[in-house]
Each structure stands twice: as structure tokens, then as C-alpha cells.
Protein backbone atom coordinates (compact mmCIF):
# COMPACT_ATOMS: atom_id res chain seq x y z
CA MET A 1 -0.19 -0.14 -0.03
CA LEU A 2 2.80 2.62 0.98
CA ASP A 3 4.60 1.83 -1.99
CA ARG A 4 1.29 2.55 -4.38
CA LEU A 5 1.02 5.92 -2.24
CA LEU A 6 4.60 7.19 -2.97
CA GLY A 7 4.47 5.96 -6.40
CA ARG A 8 7.08 3.32 -6.05
CA ALA A 9 5.29 0.55 -7.52
CA SER A 10 5.14 1.74 -10.95
CA LEU A 11 8.75 2.48 -10.80
CA LYS A 12 9.66 -1.14 -9.75
CA GLU A 13 7.60 -2.49 -12.29
CA ARG A 14 9.60 -0.40 -14.61
CA VAL A 15 12.66 -1.28 -13.41
CA ALA A 16 12.17 -5.17 -13.56
CA ASP A 17 10.58 -4.19 -17.30
CA LEU A 18 14.09 -2.80 -18.24
CA GLU A 19 16.25 -5.44 -16.37
CA ALA A 20 14.22 -7.88 -18.59
CA GLU A 21 15.13 -5.86 -21.80
CA LYS A 22 18.71 -5.69 -20.51
CA ARG A 23 18.99 -9.72 -20.20
CA HIS A 24 17.41 -9.99 -23.63
CA LEU A 25 19.94 -7.52 -25.15
CA GLU A 26 22.82 -9.64 -23.45
CA ARG A 27 21.64 -12.84 -24.94
CA GLN A 28 21.46 -11.29 -28.37
CA LEU A 29 25.07 -9.92 -27.82
CA ASP A 30 26.38 -13.14 -26.70
CA ALA A 31 24.81 -14.94 -29.95
CA GLU A 32 26.49 -12.39 -32.12
CA GLU A 33 29.74 -12.94 -30.25
CA GLU A 34 29.46 -16.64 -30.72
CA ARG A 35 28.43 -16.20 -34.26
CA ARG A 36 31.69 -14.30 -35.10
CA ALA A 37 33.87 -16.61 -33.08
CA GLU A 38 32.55 -19.57 -35.05
CA ALA A 39 33.64 -17.58 -38.59
CA SER A 40 36.82 -16.68 -37.08
CA THR A 41 37.51 -20.62 -36.06
CA ALA A 42 36.18 -21.47 -39.33
CA ARG A 43 38.68 -19.04 -41.02
CA GLN A 44 41.62 -20.56 -39.05
CA GLN A 45 40.58 -24.10 -39.83
CA ALA A 46 40.71 -23.20 -43.69
CA GLU A 47 44.19 -21.38 -43.47
CA ALA A 48 45.54 -24.46 -41.88
CA GLU A 49 43.79 -26.72 -44.49
CA VAL A 50 45.42 -24.50 -47.43
CA ASN A 51 48.65 -25.04 -45.66
CA ARG A 52 48.52 -28.61 -45.64
CA LEU A 53 47.09 -28.81 -49.24
CA GLU A 54 49.91 -26.73 -50.85
CA ASP A 55 52.41 -29.63 -51.84
CA ARG A 56 50.04 -31.78 -52.94
CA VAL A 57 48.40 -28.93 -55.15
CA THR A 58 51.91 -28.61 -56.50
CA GLU A 59 52.29 -32.24 -57.38
CA LEU A 60 49.01 -31.94 -59.22
CA GLU A 61 50.20 -28.93 -61.10
CA ASP A 62 52.42 -31.60 -63.18
CA ARG A 63 49.50 -33.73 -63.90
CA VAL A 64 47.27 -30.89 -65.08
CA GLU A 65 49.93 -29.22 -67.47
CA ARG A 66 50.67 -32.93 -69.04
CA LEU A 67 47.01 -33.01 -69.82
CA GLN A 68 46.69 -29.57 -71.12
CA ALA A 69 49.83 -30.28 -73.34
CA ASP A 70 48.04 -33.20 -74.98
CA ASP A 71 45.25 -30.44 -75.99
CA GLY A 72 47.87 -28.39 -77.68
CA GLU A 73 48.94 -26.02 -74.89
CA TYR A 74 53.13 -25.97 -74.00
CA ALA A 75 54.27 -27.94 -71.19
CA TYR A 76 57.64 -27.79 -69.23
CA ARG A 77 60.12 -29.96 -70.80
CA ALA A 78 61.27 -30.79 -67.09
CA GLU A 79 60.88 -29.96 -63.32
CA ASP A 80 62.84 -30.53 -60.31
CA ARG A 81 63.24 -29.84 -56.60
CA LEU A 82 66.57 -28.62 -55.82
CA ASN A 83 67.83 -28.82 -52.05
CA GLY A 84 71.28 -28.31 -50.60
CA ARG A 85 74.54 -28.96 -52.60
CA ARG A 86 72.10 -29.46 -55.98
CA VAL A 87 71.07 -25.91 -55.86
CA GLY A 88 74.68 -24.95 -55.76
CA GLU A 89 75.48 -27.19 -58.47
CA ILE A 90 72.33 -25.43 -60.63
CA LEU A 91 73.73 -22.06 -59.78
CA ASP A 92 77.25 -23.00 -60.82
CA ARG A 93 76.02 -23.77 -64.15
CA LEU A 94 74.32 -20.58 -64.87
CA SER A 95 77.13 -18.52 -63.64
CA SER A 96 79.46 -20.13 -65.97
CA VAL A 97 77.34 -19.19 -69.10
CA GLU A 98 79.29 -16.76 -71.51
CA SER A 99 78.03 -15.08 -74.70
CA GLU A 100 78.34 -12.13 -76.62
CA PRO A 101 77.14 -8.95 -74.97
CA GLU A 102 73.36 -8.93 -74.89
CA GLY A 103 73.08 -12.83 -75.66
CA VAL A 104 71.60 -14.14 -72.57
CA PHE A 105 68.29 -12.86 -71.15
CA THR A 106 67.55 -12.78 -67.34
CA ALA A 107 64.26 -11.60 -65.52
CA TYR A 108 62.58 -11.73 -62.20
CA VAL A 109 58.81 -11.92 -62.74
CA ALA A 110 57.11 -11.43 -59.48
CA ASP A 111 53.61 -11.61 -60.89
CA GLU A 112 51.91 -14.44 -63.20
CA SER A 113 49.20 -11.85 -63.89
CA HIS A 114 51.56 -9.30 -65.21
CA LEU A 115 54.41 -10.76 -67.74
CA PRO A 116 56.55 -7.92 -68.99
CA GLY A 117 57.12 -7.17 -72.57
CA PRO A 118 60.91 -8.23 -72.75
CA VAL A 119 60.00 -11.50 -71.33
CA ARG A 120 57.34 -12.23 -73.75
CA ASP A 121 59.75 -11.14 -76.49
CA ALA A 122 62.64 -13.38 -75.11
CA PHE A 123 60.59 -16.36 -74.64
CA GLY A 124 58.17 -16.22 -77.32
CA ASP A 125 55.64 -18.99 -77.78
CA ARG A 126 56.67 -20.40 -74.24
CA ALA A 127 56.26 -17.19 -72.41
CA SER A 128 52.79 -18.77 -70.95
CA LEU A 129 55.00 -21.20 -69.06
CA VAL A 130 57.40 -18.32 -67.14
CA ALA A 131 53.80 -16.75 -66.43
CA ARG A 132 52.73 -19.84 -64.92
CA ALA A 133 56.00 -20.51 -63.28
CA ALA A 134 56.08 -16.71 -61.48
CA PRO A 135 57.11 -15.58 -59.04
CA CYS A 136 60.31 -16.86 -60.60
CA LEU A 137 63.92 -16.13 -62.09
CA ALA A 138 63.56 -16.87 -65.69
CA VAL A 139 66.88 -17.08 -68.06
CA THR A 140 67.14 -17.58 -71.99
CA ASP A 141 69.33 -16.70 -74.65
CA ASP A 142 69.26 -15.73 -78.27
CA ALA A 143 70.08 -18.94 -79.59
CA GLY A 144 67.48 -20.88 -77.98
CA LEU A 145 69.91 -23.07 -76.15
CA LEU A 146 69.12 -22.14 -72.36
CA SER A 147 65.99 -21.78 -71.06
CA ALA A 148 65.21 -22.17 -67.25
CA CYS A 149 62.31 -20.56 -64.49
CA LEU A 150 63.72 -20.94 -60.89
CA SER A 151 61.89 -20.28 -57.84
CA VAL A 152 63.78 -17.54 -55.59
CA PRO A 153 63.74 -18.22 -51.75
CA VAL A 154 64.65 -14.16 -51.21
CA PRO A 155 63.24 -12.52 -54.17
CA PRO A 156 65.07 -9.50 -55.65
CA GLU A 157 63.04 -6.44 -57.02
CA PRO A 158 61.66 -7.40 -60.52
CA PHE A 159 63.94 -6.67 -63.28
CA ALA A 160 64.72 -7.85 -67.27
CA THR A 161 67.96 -7.54 -68.85
CA TRP A 162 70.16 -8.83 -71.67
CA SER A 163 73.75 -9.08 -71.14
CA ASP A 164 76.65 -11.52 -71.69
CA GLY A 165 75.96 -13.99 -68.77
CA VAL A 166 73.11 -14.77 -66.33
CA GLU A 167 72.46 -12.29 -64.00
CA LEU A 168 71.85 -13.69 -60.61
CA GLU A 169 72.96 -13.53 -56.97
CA ARG A 170 73.70 -16.73 -54.84
CA SER A 171 72.21 -14.69 -51.83
CA TRP A 172 68.83 -14.86 -53.31
CA PHE A 173 69.21 -18.75 -53.39
CA GLU A 174 71.76 -19.96 -50.59
CA PRO A 175 71.96 -18.85 -47.11
CA THR A 176 75.20 -16.90 -46.33
CA GLY A 177 76.79 -15.10 -43.53
CA THR A 178 74.96 -14.97 -39.94
CA TYR A 179 71.19 -15.09 -39.95
CA ALA A 180 68.59 -16.44 -38.12
CA VAL A 181 65.41 -18.60 -39.07
CA ALA A 182 62.26 -18.54 -36.57
CA LEU A 183 59.16 -20.55 -37.13
CA VAL A 184 56.15 -18.93 -35.88
CA ARG A 185 53.07 -21.15 -35.24
CA SER A 186 50.11 -19.87 -33.07
CA ASP A 187 50.79 -22.95 -30.98
CA LEU A 188 54.78 -23.55 -31.29
CA PHE A 189 57.66 -21.17 -31.64
CA ALA A 190 61.11 -22.60 -32.70
CA LEU A 191 64.51 -20.17 -33.66
CA GLY A 192 67.75 -21.14 -35.01
CA THR A 193 70.64 -19.15 -35.52
CA TYR A 194 73.08 -19.87 -38.49
CA GLU A 195 76.44 -19.59 -39.75
CA ASP A 196 76.86 -20.05 -43.69
CA GLY A 197 73.97 -22.57 -43.25
CA GLU A 198 75.07 -24.36 -40.31
CA ARG A 199 72.94 -24.13 -37.20
CA THR A 200 74.90 -22.64 -34.36
CA ALA A 201 72.04 -22.37 -31.82
CA PHE A 202 68.30 -23.19 -30.92
CA HIS A 203 65.68 -22.10 -28.83
CA GLY A 204 62.02 -23.22 -28.90
CA PHE A 205 59.01 -23.99 -27.25
CA ASP A 206 55.07 -24.92 -27.32
CA ALA A 207 52.38 -22.76 -26.52
CA ASP A 208 49.72 -23.38 -23.88
CA LEU A 209 46.92 -22.88 -26.32
CA LYS A 210 43.39 -24.29 -25.90
CA SER A 211 42.72 -26.25 -29.00
CA GLN A 212 38.95 -26.68 -28.86
CA HIS A 213 36.08 -25.44 -26.69
CA SER A 214 34.55 -27.60 -24.17
CA LYS A 215 30.60 -27.62 -24.44
CA GLY A 216 30.28 -26.63 -20.47
CA GLY A 217 31.95 -23.86 -18.49
CA PHE A 218 31.65 -20.78 -20.52
CA SER A 219 30.37 -19.58 -23.93
CA GLN A 220 32.02 -20.32 -27.35
CA SER A 221 32.80 -16.46 -27.78
CA ARG A 222 34.43 -16.58 -24.16
CA PHE A 223 36.60 -19.11 -25.34
CA GLU A 224 37.69 -17.58 -28.43
CA ARG A 225 38.44 -14.28 -26.38
CA LEU A 226 40.83 -16.65 -24.20
CA ARG A 227 42.23 -18.35 -27.08
CA ASP A 228 43.19 -14.96 -28.66
CA GLN A 229 44.71 -13.58 -25.54
CA GLN A 230 46.80 -16.74 -25.42
CA ILE A 231 47.87 -16.18 -28.99
CA ALA A 232 48.77 -12.74 -28.24
CA SER A 233 51.00 -13.54 -25.34
CA HIS A 234 52.57 -16.44 -27.09
CA LEU A 235 53.74 -13.93 -30.09
CA GLU A 236 55.19 -11.35 -27.38
CA ARG A 237 57.20 -14.37 -26.28
CA CYS A 238 58.13 -15.17 -29.33
CA ARG A 239 59.14 -11.71 -30.13
CA ALA A 240 61.02 -11.30 -26.98
CA ALA A 241 63.11 -14.68 -27.95
CA ILE A 242 63.91 -13.00 -31.37
CA GLU A 243 65.03 -9.88 -29.88
CA ALA A 244 67.23 -11.59 -27.34
CA VAL A 245 69.00 -13.06 -30.42
CA ASP A 246 69.28 -9.95 -32.34
CA PRO A 247 70.00 -11.21 -35.84
CA ASP A 248 72.12 -9.48 -38.78
CA THR A 249 69.27 -10.91 -40.85
CA LEU A 250 65.87 -12.59 -39.76
CA TYR A 251 63.52 -15.36 -41.99
CA VAL A 252 60.45 -15.98 -40.34
CA VAL A 253 58.48 -19.04 -41.55
CA GLY A 254 55.07 -20.26 -40.26
CA GLU A 255 51.50 -20.03 -40.12
CA GLY A 256 49.85 -17.48 -42.22
CA SER A 257 47.47 -15.82 -39.55
CA VAL A 258 50.83 -15.03 -37.31
CA ILE A 259 54.00 -14.39 -39.54
CA HIS A 260 52.54 -11.43 -40.68
CA GLU A 261 53.16 -9.92 -37.13
CA PHE A 262 56.77 -10.08 -38.02
CA GLU A 263 57.04 -8.47 -41.75
CA ALA A 264 58.65 -5.44 -40.66
CA ASP A 265 61.28 -7.28 -38.83
CA ALA A 266 62.09 -9.82 -41.42
CA ALA A 267 63.66 -10.04 -44.79
CA VAL A 268 61.25 -12.35 -46.01
CA THR A 269 58.31 -14.08 -44.38
CA ARG A 270 57.08 -17.33 -45.95
CA THR A 271 53.99 -19.90 -45.17
CA VAL A 272 55.28 -23.40 -44.43
CA ASP A 273 53.93 -26.64 -43.28
CA ALA A 274 56.20 -27.59 -40.80
CA THR A 275 55.11 -30.15 -38.29
CA GLY A 276 56.71 -32.37 -35.08
CA ASP A 277 58.56 -30.91 -32.00
CA PRO A 278 60.12 -27.60 -32.34
CA GLU A 279 63.38 -28.58 -33.45
CA ASP A 280 62.24 -31.23 -36.00
CA ALA A 281 59.35 -28.51 -36.99
CA LEU A 282 62.29 -26.11 -37.62
CA ALA A 283 64.53 -28.54 -39.73
CA ASP A 284 61.49 -28.97 -42.28
CA ALA A 285 60.65 -25.37 -42.14
CA VAL A 286 64.15 -24.09 -43.14
CA ARG A 287 64.52 -27.24 -45.59
CA SER A 288 61.34 -25.83 -47.05
CA LEU A 289 62.48 -22.22 -47.05
CA TRP A 290 65.45 -22.88 -49.05
CA THR A 291 64.15 -25.64 -51.65
CA VAL A 292 64.15 -24.13 -55.19
CA ARG A 293 61.93 -25.15 -57.77
CA LEU A 294 63.32 -25.78 -61.20
CA ARG A 295 61.35 -25.85 -64.38
CA VAL A 296 62.57 -25.85 -68.01
CA PRO A 297 60.13 -24.29 -70.60
């Protein structure tokens, strides 16, 4: 009775209505956060799947090209994946080529969708194979005796030139001097320091990262927020480990969703699919980084 006399009853009813409306809006917000979290998870899973399938796609490209050749299109005359000493042998052969002035053509083609005119002129009917190999270093000569496209682990700026020999720097293909390779994944870190290709030190650790959401306890959105915080903390730890080494040259490889965080500090960033414990994963990543794909148009 006193509440009605003082007008408090209507105020209490209004408060109750507002609290109910607040709870409704909070449920809507949680639902929207869960939807966004599910989309984020799906995107991360898709990126991981892309990384796993890259090698398989590369293998299938050869078959596709041979089938296209059966339909009248050009195919590569030879293909190979070069590692270690084999890279050096091929570079030695290319470096030994000598000719009259402007008898050898060299170009770095960065984009398959934009093939420079000089490259088209130099390779003629087989220029489409150079485009398919891009990004690559493309080499030929005015007699048609020399023809090669090589992937470049540490790519230069695009160029195209005729000279008396093949224009290349071995540092584009082979590690030299003192440098470091960091493998960065959201759940793992490995860092190796090297001197002319030989590892001199190693540091690695796993991340304490939740890999899946339990149905009980908290919402999917809260799980995603916690996971993002864990990844951010892990990346800060990775950065601190790299800064402690302070390498002259840094190459960062690993998971596409996180390595972009290190682009400003790295000479090269590259997505690789390296698995296993930190030391094994680093060895796998370094092998992928310095692998050179040779194609002969």
C-alpha cells in the first residue's frame, strides 16, 4: 500500500521491465559474439587446410600441365625440386654461361598476371610457361639453347635485362653469413641461428593454447577471446626470443595467420607447413624455405 501511495510500485515495475530488456539484449550480444567466433574459427581452420594442401596442389600441377599439353598447350620439358648441394650445382652452371654482349636474358617475374613485354619477347611462344612459374627467375638466350625458371627463396626486385651472362645473386638462393630462421605458429615457436647454412644455436617452445572448446563452463565467444589472448601472449614471447638473439638477418616462416606480425622485422616471411616438435619442425621449415623449384620451359 505504501509503495502505491508513494508511486514506487510503478517505478519497480519499470525497473523490472528494463532488467528483462537488458537480459534480452545481453543474450542477443552473446549470440552475435558466438557467431563471430565461429566465423573466426572457420577461417583459421581454412588457413590451416590451405597450408596442408599446398604441397599436394604443387604435385597435381604437373599432371594438369601434361594434360593441357595433350590439348595443344605447351608443357615444361623438365621439373625438379632442388635442395642443398644440388642448388649450388645448378647455380654454378648458370653462372658459368658466357656469350656475346646481350646474348643472355635474365628476368625476375614477380606476378603471373603481369608478364613484362621483354619477357614475352625473349621466350616467345613459351612465355606462358614463365607466367605459370611466376614468381620466378627466368633465364634464356638468343640461340634458344638456354631456358630455365627457378623459384627464388629471397626474391629481388623485378627486373629484365640482356647481358653476356646470367644475372643472379647466390644470396637469393643460398643462405650466407650470419642469420636466423624463426618458425612461428600459434601453438609453437622455434628459432635457429646459422652461420653459412650451419646451425649454431637453437631455442624453441610450445604454446599453452586451448585447441578446442568444451561444451560446458563458458560460451564459445569467451573461449575464442581467451584463445586470442593466449596467442597474443605467445607472439609476444616469440618476439622477445627473437630480440634476445638480435640477428643480422631474420627469416620468419610458419603459420600464415601469425607470421604477418613479423613482416617489419624480417627479410622474408613465408608460409610453410612444418610439423613435429620445435626442433624437428624448424628443420622441416628451413628445408622448405631454401628449396628451389626448377622448371624448364
